[in-house]
C-alpha cells in the first residue's frame, strides 16, 4: 500500500510539471494541484479501507458456491463446433 500511494502521488505531481498540451491554462493546473492535495490527504484512508474490504470479498467469493446454470446457456467452443464451421 505505501508503494502504491507514493508512486501514484509522484505520477500525479509529474502531470503538473510535464509540458502537456492538455493543461495549457493556469486554472487547469490549479485545479489539478487541489486534486493532488485531496488525494494526498484522503488517499491513505481509502487505501487502508481497501485492505479489509478486499480481504472480505476474497474470502466471501472463496467460500460461496457458483450459481447453477443450464448447459444450454453456455456457448462452449468444442471440437464439434469448430468442425461444423
N, C-alpha and C. Protein backbone atom coordinates (compact mmCIF):
# COMPACT_ATOMS: atom_id res chain seq x y z
N UNK A 1 0.80 -1.19 0.00
CA UNK A 1 0.00 0.00 0.00
C UNK A 1 0.85 1.27 0.00
N UNK A 2 1.89 1.34 0.81
CA UNK A 2 2.68 2.58 0.78
C UNK A 2 3.34 2.81 -0.58
N UNK A 3 3.76 1.74 -1.24
CA UNK A 3 4.40 1.90 -2.54
C UNK A 3 3.41 2.44 -3.57
N UNK A 4 2.19 1.94 -3.54
CA UNK A 4 1.17 2.41 -4.47
C UNK A 4 0.85 3.88 -4.22
N UNK A 5 0.77 4.26 -2.98
CA UNK A 5 0.46 5.65 -2.63
C UNK A 5 1.57 6.59 -3.10
N UNK A 6 2.81 6.21 -2.83
CA UNK A 6 3.94 7.07 -3.19
C UNK A 6 4.10 7.17 -4.70
N UNK A 7 4.02 6.03 -5.39
CA UNK A 7 4.21 6.08 -6.84
C UNK A 7 3.08 6.83 -7.53
N UNK A 8 1.85 6.69 -7.04
CA UNK A 8 0.74 7.41 -7.65
C UNK A 8 0.84 8.90 -7.36
N UNK A 9 1.27 9.27 -6.18
CA UNK A 9 1.46 10.68 -5.86
C UNK A 9 2.54 11.29 -6.74
N UNK A 10 3.62 10.58 -6.96
CA UNK A 10 4.68 11.07 -7.84
C UNK A 10 4.16 11.22 -9.27
N UNK A 11 3.39 10.25 -9.72
CA UNK A 11 2.84 10.34 -11.08
C UNK A 11 1.90 11.53 -11.22
N UNK A 12 1.11 11.82 -10.19
CA UNK A 12 0.23 12.98 -10.23
C UNK A 12 1.02 14.29 -10.26
N UNK A 13 2.06 14.35 -9.47
CA UNK A 13 2.88 15.57 -9.44
C UNK A 13 3.58 15.77 -10.78
N UNK A 14 3.98 14.69 -11.41
CA UNK A 14 4.63 14.80 -12.72
C UNK A 14 3.69 15.34 -13.78
N UNK A 15 2.39 15.13 -13.62
CA UNK A 15 1.45 15.69 -14.60
C UNK A 15 1.43 17.21 -14.53
N UNK A 16 1.76 17.77 -13.37
CA UNK A 16 1.84 19.23 -13.25
C UNK A 16 3.10 19.77 -13.90
N UNK A 17 4.19 19.04 -13.76
CA UNK A 17 5.46 19.55 -14.26
C UNK A 17 5.69 19.25 -15.73
N UNK A 18 4.96 18.29 -16.30
CA UNK A 18 5.11 17.99 -17.73
C UNK A 18 4.56 19.14 -18.56
N UNK A 19 5.19 19.38 -19.69
CA UNK A 19 4.66 20.40 -20.60
C UNK A 19 3.66 19.72 -21.53
N UNK A 20 2.51 19.43 -20.97
CA UNK A 20 1.46 18.73 -21.69
C UNK A 20 0.52 19.74 -22.32
N UNK A 21 0.13 19.50 -23.55
CA UNK A 21 -0.74 20.45 -24.22
C UNK A 21 -2.18 20.40 -23.72
N UNK A 22 -2.54 19.38 -22.94
CA UNK A 22 -3.92 19.31 -22.45
C UNK A 22 -4.17 20.26 -21.29
N UNK A 23 -3.12 20.69 -20.59
CA UNK A 23 -3.28 21.62 -19.48
C UNK A 23 -2.53 22.91 -19.78
N UNK A 24 -3.02 23.67 -20.73
CA UNK A 24 -2.39 24.92 -21.12
C UNK A 24 -2.73 26.05 -20.16
N UNK A 25 -3.95 26.06 -19.68
CA UNK A 25 -4.40 27.17 -18.84
C UNK A 25 -3.90 27.00 -17.41
N UNK A 26 -3.68 28.13 -16.77
CA UNK A 26 -3.24 28.13 -15.38
C UNK A 26 -4.33 27.59 -14.47
N UNK A 27 -5.60 27.87 -14.80
CA UNK A 27 -6.72 27.38 -13.99
C UNK A 27 -6.77 25.85 -13.94
N UNK A 28 -6.44 25.22 -15.06
CA UNK A 28 -6.43 23.76 -15.10
C UNK A 28 -5.33 23.19 -14.21
N UNK A 29 -4.19 23.85 -14.18
CA UNK A 29 -3.10 23.39 -13.31
C UNK A 29 -3.44 23.59 -11.84
N UNK A 30 -4.13 24.69 -11.53
CA UNK A 30 -4.54 24.93 -10.14
C UNK A 30 -5.56 23.88 -9.71
N UNK A 31 -6.51 23.56 -10.58
CA UNK A 31 -7.50 22.53 -10.26
C UNK A 31 -6.82 21.18 -10.07
N UNK A 32 -5.84 20.85 -10.90
CA UNK A 32 -5.10 19.59 -10.74
C UNK A 32 -4.31 19.58 -9.44
N UNK A 33 -3.74 20.73 -9.06
CA UNK A 33 -2.99 20.82 -7.81
C UNK A 33 -3.89 20.52 -6.61
N UNK A 34 -5.10 21.08 -6.60
CA UNK A 34 -6.02 20.81 -5.49
C UNK A 34 -6.49 19.35 -5.49
N UNK A 35 -6.61 18.76 -6.66
CA UNK A 35 -6.95 17.34 -6.73
C UNK A 35 -5.83 16.49 -6.14
N UNK A 36 -4.60 16.86 -6.40
CA UNK A 36 -3.45 16.13 -5.85
C UNK A 36 -3.42 16.28 -4.33
N UNK A 37 -3.70 17.47 -3.83
CA UNK A 37 -3.73 17.68 -2.38
C UNK A 37 -4.82 16.82 -1.74
N UNK A 38 -6.00 16.76 -2.38
CA UNK A 38 -7.08 15.90 -1.85
C UNK A 38 -6.63 14.45 -1.81
N UNK A 39 -5.97 13.99 -2.88
CA UNK A 39 -5.51 12.60 -2.90
C UNK A 39 -4.48 12.36 -1.81
N UNK A 40 -3.59 13.32 -1.58
CA UNK A 40 -2.56 13.13 -0.56
C UNK A 40 -3.17 13.02 0.84
N UNK A 41 -4.31 13.68 1.04
CA UNK A 41 -4.97 13.63 2.35
C UNK A 41 -5.88 12.41 2.46
N UNK A 42 -6.74 12.19 1.46
CA UNK A 42 -7.74 11.13 1.53
C UNK A 42 -7.24 9.78 1.02
N UNK A 43 -6.19 9.78 0.22
CA UNK A 43 -5.69 8.55 -0.39
C UNK A 43 -5.32 7.47 0.62
N UNK A 44 -4.54 7.80 1.66
CA UNK A 44 -4.19 6.76 2.64
C UNK A 44 -5.41 6.14 3.32
N UNK A 45 -6.44 6.95 3.57
CA UNK A 45 -7.64 6.39 4.20
C UNK A 45 -8.33 5.40 3.28
N UNK A 46 -8.46 5.75 1.99
CA UNK A 46 -9.09 4.83 1.04
C UNK A 46 -8.26 3.56 0.87
N UNK A 47 -6.95 3.72 0.80
CA UNK A 47 -6.10 2.55 0.64
C UNK A 47 -6.14 1.65 1.87
N UNK A 48 -6.19 2.24 3.06
CA UNK A 48 -6.30 1.43 4.28
C UNK A 48 -7.65 0.73 4.36
N UNK A 49 -8.72 1.39 3.92
CA UNK A 49 -10.04 0.76 3.95
C UNK A 49 -10.12 -0.37 2.91
N UNK A 50 -9.35 -0.27 1.85
CA UNK A 50 -9.44 -1.28 0.80
C UNK A 50 -8.85 -2.63 1.23
N UNK A 51 -7.92 -2.62 2.17
CA UNK A 51 -7.29 -3.88 2.59
C UNK A 51 -8.30 -4.83 3.23
N UNK A 52 -9.03 -4.43 4.30
CA UNK A 52 -10.01 -5.38 4.86
C UNK A 52 -11.18 -5.65 3.92
N UNK A 53 -11.58 -4.64 3.14
CA UNK A 53 -12.69 -4.85 2.21
C UNK A 53 -12.32 -5.87 1.14
N UNK A 54 -11.14 -5.76 0.56
CA UNK A 54 -10.71 -6.73 -0.44
C UNK A 54 -10.54 -8.12 0.16
N UNK A 55 -10.06 -8.19 1.40
CA UNK A 55 -9.93 -9.49 2.07
C UNK A 55 -11.30 -10.12 2.28
N UNK A 56 -12.28 -9.32 2.71
CA UNK A 56 -13.63 -9.85 2.91
C UNK A 56 -14.21 -10.36 1.60
N UNK A 57 -14.09 -9.60 0.52
CA UNK A 57 -14.62 -10.01 -0.77
C UNK A 57 -13.93 -11.27 -1.26
N UNK A 58 -12.62 -11.38 -1.04
CA UNK A 58 -11.88 -12.56 -1.45
C UNK A 58 -12.39 -13.80 -0.73
N UNK A 59 -12.51 -13.73 0.61
CA UNK A 59 -12.95 -14.90 1.36
C UNK A 59 -14.43 -15.21 1.11
N UNK A 60 -15.24 -14.19 0.88
CA UNK A 60 -16.64 -14.43 0.54
C UNK A 60 -16.75 -15.21 -0.76
N UNK A 61 -16.01 -14.77 -1.77
CA UNK A 61 -16.04 -15.48 -3.05
C UNK A 61 -15.38 -16.85 -2.97
N UNK A 62 -14.43 -17.00 -2.07
CA UNK A 62 -13.74 -18.27 -1.93
C UNK A 62 -14.66 -19.35 -1.36
N UNK A 63 -15.54 -18.98 -0.43
CA UNK A 63 -16.36 -19.98 0.26
C UNK A 63 -17.83 -19.98 -0.17
N UNK A 64 -18.16 -19.33 -1.25
CA UNK A 64 -19.52 -19.42 -1.77
C UNK A 64 -19.52 -20.28 -3.03
N UNK A 65 -20.67 -20.85 -3.30
CA UNK A 65 -20.77 -21.71 -4.47
C UNK A 65 -21.27 -20.91 -5.66
N UNK A 66 -20.85 -21.35 -6.82
CA UNK A 66 -21.29 -20.71 -8.05
C UNK A 66 -22.75 -21.07 -8.29
N UNK A 67 -23.56 -20.11 -8.73
CA UNK A 67 -24.96 -20.43 -9.00
C UNK A 67 -25.07 -21.46 -10.13
N UNK A 68 -26.05 -22.34 -9.99
CA UNK A 68 -26.20 -23.37 -11.01
C UNK A 68 -26.70 -22.76 -12.30
N UNK A 69 -26.22 -23.31 -13.40
CA UNK A 69 -26.64 -22.81 -14.71
C UNK A 69 -26.89 -24.00 -15.62
N UNK A 70 -27.72 -23.76 -16.61
CA UNK A 70 -28.01 -24.80 -17.58
C UNK A 70 -26.88 -24.92 -18.57
N UNK A 71 -26.60 -26.12 -19.02
CA UNK A 71 -25.56 -26.31 -20.02
C UNK A 71 -25.96 -25.72 -21.35
N UNK A 72 -27.27 -25.54 -21.56
CA UNK A 72 -27.73 -24.97 -22.82
C UNK A 72 -27.40 -23.48 -22.92
N UNK A 73 -27.27 -22.81 -21.78
CA UNK A 73 -26.99 -21.38 -21.79
C UNK A 73 -25.52 -21.08 -22.09
N UNK A 74 -24.67 -22.06 -21.96
CA UNK A 74 -23.24 -21.84 -22.12
C UNK A 74 -22.84 -22.13 -23.56
N UNK A 75 -22.19 -21.19 -24.19
CA UNK A 75 -21.68 -21.39 -25.54
C UNK A 75 -20.23 -21.83 -25.45
N UNK A 76 -20.03 -23.14 -25.44
CA UNK A 76 -18.68 -23.67 -25.33
C UNK A 76 -18.10 -23.91 -26.71
N UNK A 77 -16.82 -23.65 -26.83
CA UNK A 77 -16.13 -23.94 -28.08
C UNK A 77 -15.62 -25.38 -27.96
N UNK A 78 -16.19 -26.24 -28.76
CA UNK A 78 -15.79 -27.64 -28.75
C UNK A 78 -15.24 -28.01 -30.12
N UNK A 79 -14.67 -29.18 -30.17
CA UNK A 79 -14.11 -29.66 -31.44
C UNK A 79 -15.20 -29.83 -32.48
N UNK A 80 -16.38 -30.30 -32.05
CA UNK A 80 -17.50 -30.48 -32.98
C UNK A 80 -17.99 -29.14 -33.52
N UNK A 81 -18.05 -28.13 -32.69
CA UNK A 81 -18.48 -26.82 -33.15
C UNK A 81 -17.51 -26.23 -34.16
N UNK A 82 -16.23 -26.42 -33.94
CA UNK A 82 -15.24 -25.89 -34.85
C UNK A 82 -15.28 -26.62 -36.18
N UNK A 83 -15.50 -27.93 -36.14
CA UNK A 83 -15.54 -28.71 -37.39
C UNK A 83 -16.75 -28.33 -38.22
N UNK A 84 -17.82 -27.88 -37.60
CA UNK A 84 -19.03 -27.51 -38.33
C UNK A 84 -18.77 -26.27 -39.19
N UNK A 85 -17.89 -25.42 -38.75
CA UNK A 85 -17.62 -24.20 -39.48
C UNK A 85 -16.77 -24.53 -40.68
